[in-house]
Amino acid sequence: MFDAGVPLEVASGRLGHSTIRTTSDVYGRLSEPADRKAAAALGDLFGSDHFSGQTPDKLAAAGA
């Protein structure tokens, strides 16, 4: 659902979760396409490709 662009709030309601936090906790890991899109957006924002190709785990390990 999330890769198709369904907002977290909508998915939460459809899944019957009492809070958005439940949905986020269960399904909140970034998918590869979403992760790449976020990295590209950060690179555009900061004028750098530093974030490109980095996964959240790699960024955390590097202290970014």
N, C-alpha and C. Protein backbone atom coordinates (compact mmCIF):
# COMPACT_ATOMS: atom_id res chain seq x y z
N MET A 1 0.81 -1.19 0.00
CA MET A 1 0.00 0.00 0.00
C MET A 1 0.85 1.25 0.00
N PHE A 2 1.90 1.25 0.81
CA PHE A 2 2.69 2.46 0.96
C PHE A 2 3.49 2.77 -0.30
N ASP A 3 3.98 1.75 -0.98
CA ASP A 3 4.69 1.98 -2.24
C ASP A 3 3.77 2.54 -3.30
N ALA A 4 2.47 2.28 -3.16
CA ALA A 4 1.48 2.79 -4.11
C ALA A 4 1.05 4.22 -3.76
N GLY A 5 1.60 4.76 -2.68
CA GLY A 5 1.30 6.15 -2.31
C GLY A 5 0.12 6.32 -1.37
N VAL A 6 -0.36 5.24 -0.78
CA VAL A 6 -1.46 5.35 0.17
C VAL A 6 -0.93 6.01 1.45
N PRO A 7 -1.55 7.10 1.88
CA PRO A 7 -1.10 7.78 3.10
C PRO A 7 -1.22 6.87 4.32
N LEU A 8 -0.33 7.06 5.27
CA LEU A 8 -0.30 6.26 6.48
C LEU A 8 -1.65 6.29 7.21
N GLU A 9 -2.28 7.47 7.24
CA GLU A 9 -3.56 7.61 7.93
C GLU A 9 -4.63 6.73 7.30
N VAL A 10 -4.66 6.68 5.98
CA VAL A 10 -5.65 5.88 5.27
C VAL A 10 -5.38 4.40 5.49
N ALA A 11 -4.12 4.00 5.37
CA ALA A 11 -3.76 2.60 5.59
C ALA A 11 -4.11 2.17 7.00
N SER A 12 -3.86 3.03 7.97
CA SER A 12 -4.15 2.72 9.35
C SER A 12 -5.62 2.42 9.56
N GLY A 13 -6.47 3.25 8.98
CA GLY A 13 -7.91 3.04 9.09
C GLY A 13 -8.35 1.77 8.40
N ARG A 14 -7.82 1.51 7.21
CA ARG A 14 -8.18 0.30 6.46
C ARG A 14 -7.74 -0.96 7.17
N LEU A 15 -6.61 -0.89 7.85
CA LEU A 15 -6.09 -2.05 8.56
C LEU A 15 -6.73 -2.25 9.93
N GLY A 16 -7.55 -1.28 10.34
CA GLY A 16 -8.25 -1.40 11.61
C GLY A 16 -7.40 -1.08 12.83
N HIS A 17 -6.30 -0.37 12.62
CA HIS A 17 -5.45 -0.01 13.75
C HIS A 17 -6.06 1.16 14.51
N SER A 18 -5.93 1.13 15.83
CA SER A 18 -6.53 2.18 16.66
C SER A 18 -5.75 3.49 16.57
N THR A 19 -4.46 3.41 16.22
CA THR A 19 -3.65 4.63 16.07
C THR A 19 -2.73 4.49 14.86
N ILE A 20 -2.31 5.63 14.35
CA ILE A 20 -1.35 5.64 13.24
C ILE A 20 -0.01 5.08 13.72
N ARG A 21 0.28 5.28 14.98
CA ARG A 21 1.54 4.78 15.52
C ARG A 21 1.64 3.26 15.38
N THR A 22 0.53 2.56 15.60
CA THR A 22 0.54 1.10 15.45
C THR A 22 0.94 0.74 14.03
N THR A 23 0.33 1.39 13.06
CA THR A 23 0.63 1.12 11.65
C THR A 23 2.09 1.42 11.36
N SER A 24 2.56 2.55 11.85
CA SER A 24 3.95 2.94 11.62
C SER A 24 4.92 1.96 12.26
N ASP A 25 4.61 1.52 13.48
CA ASP A 25 5.49 0.58 14.16
C ASP A 25 5.57 -0.76 13.43
N VAL A 26 4.44 -1.20 12.89
CA VAL A 26 4.39 -2.51 12.24
C VAL A 26 4.94 -2.44 10.81
N TYR A 27 4.54 -1.41 10.09
CA TYR A 27 4.87 -1.34 8.66
C TYR A 27 5.78 -0.17 8.31
N GLY A 28 6.36 0.47 9.30
CA GLY A 28 7.06 1.73 9.09
C GLY A 28 8.41 1.68 8.43
N ARG A 29 9.01 0.52 8.28
CA ARG A 29 10.31 0.48 7.60
C ARG A 29 10.17 1.04 6.20
N LEU A 30 11.14 1.84 5.82
CA LEU A 30 11.10 2.40 4.47
C LEU A 30 11.33 1.31 3.43
N SER A 31 10.53 1.36 2.39
CA SER A 31 10.76 0.46 1.27
C SER A 31 11.93 1.01 0.46
N GLU A 32 12.52 0.19 -0.36
CA GLU A 32 13.64 0.63 -1.18
C GLU A 32 13.27 1.84 -2.04
N PRO A 33 12.14 1.81 -2.79
CA PRO A 33 11.82 2.98 -3.61
C PRO A 33 11.63 4.25 -2.77
N ALA A 34 10.97 4.13 -1.62
CA ALA A 34 10.76 5.29 -0.77
C ALA A 34 12.08 5.78 -0.19
N ASP A 35 12.96 4.85 0.15
CA ASP A 35 14.26 5.22 0.69
C ASP A 35 15.09 5.96 -0.35
N ARG A 36 15.09 5.47 -1.58
CA ARG A 36 15.83 6.15 -2.65
C ARG A 36 15.27 7.54 -2.92
N LYS A 37 13.94 7.66 -2.89
CA LYS A 37 13.30 8.96 -3.11
C LYS A 37 13.68 9.94 -2.00
N ALA A 38 13.69 9.46 -0.76
CA ALA A 38 14.08 10.31 0.37
C ALA A 38 15.54 10.73 0.25
N ALA A 39 16.40 9.80 -0.14
CA ALA A 39 17.82 10.12 -0.30
C ALA A 39 18.02 11.17 -1.39
N ALA A 40 17.31 11.03 -2.48
CA ALA A 40 17.41 12.00 -3.57
C ALA A 40 16.91 13.37 -3.12
N ALA A 41 15.81 13.40 -2.37
CA ALA A 41 15.28 14.67 -1.88
C ALA A 41 16.26 15.35 -0.93
N LEU A 42 16.89 14.58 -0.05
CA LEU A 42 17.89 15.15 0.85
C LEU A 42 19.09 15.67 0.07
N GLY A 43 19.50 14.92 -0.94
CA GLY A 43 20.61 15.36 -1.77
C GLY A 43 20.29 16.65 -2.49
N ASP A 44 19.05 16.76 -3.00
CA ASP A 44 18.63 18.00 -3.66
C ASP A 44 18.60 19.16 -2.67
N LEU A 45 18.10 18.89 -1.49
CA LEU A 45 17.97 19.92 -0.47
C LEU A 45 19.32 20.46 -0.05
N PHE A 46 20.28 19.57 0.11
CA PHE A 46 21.60 19.97 0.59
C PHE A 46 22.61 20.15 -0.54
N GLY A 47 22.17 20.00 -1.78
CA GLY A 47 23.07 20.20 -2.91
C GLY A 47 24.20 19.19 -2.96
N SER A 48 23.91 17.97 -2.57
CA SER A 48 24.94 16.95 -2.48
C SER A 48 24.35 15.60 -2.80
N ASP A 49 25.18 14.70 -3.30
CA ASP A 49 24.73 13.33 -3.49
C ASP A 49 25.22 12.45 -2.34
N HIS A 50 25.58 13.07 -1.22
CA HIS A 50 26.08 12.36 -0.04
C HIS A 50 25.10 11.28 0.42
N PHE A 51 23.81 11.56 0.30
CA PHE A 51 22.80 10.63 0.79
C PHE A 51 22.43 9.57 -0.24
N SER A 52 22.79 9.78 -1.47
CA SER A 52 22.41 8.86 -2.54
C SER A 52 23.02 7.48 -2.31
N GLY A 53 22.18 6.46 -2.43
CA GLY A 53 22.66 5.09 -2.28
C GLY A 53 22.85 4.64 -0.85
N GLN A 54 22.53 5.51 0.09
CA GLN A 54 22.70 5.16 1.49
C GLN A 54 21.38 4.64 2.05
N THR A 55 21.45 3.58 2.79
CA THR A 55 20.27 3.07 3.48
C THR A 55 20.22 3.71 4.85
N PRO A 56 19.05 3.71 5.49
CA PRO A 56 18.97 4.31 6.83
C PRO A 56 19.98 3.68 7.80
N ASP A 57 20.21 2.38 7.69
CA ASP A 57 21.17 1.73 8.58
C ASP A 57 22.59 2.25 8.33
N LYS A 58 22.96 2.40 7.05
CA LYS A 58 24.30 2.91 6.74
C LYS A 58 24.46 4.35 7.19
N LEU A 59 23.40 5.17 7.01
CA LEU A 59 23.48 6.55 7.44
C LEU A 59 23.64 6.64 8.96
N ALA A 60 22.90 5.82 9.68
CA ALA A 60 23.00 5.82 11.15
C ALA A 60 24.40 5.40 11.58
N ALA A 61 24.95 4.40 10.92
CA ALA A 61 26.29 3.92 11.27
C ALA A 61 27.35 4.97 10.99
N ALA A 62 27.11 5.79 9.96
CA ALA A 62 28.07 6.83 9.58
C ALA A 62 27.87 8.10 10.41
N GLY A 63 26.80 8.13 11.22
CA GLY A 63 26.54 9.30 12.04
C GLY A 63 25.91 10.44 11.29
N ALA A 64 25.29 10.13 10.15
CA ALA A 64 24.66 11.19 9.35
C ALA A 64 23.30 11.54 9.91
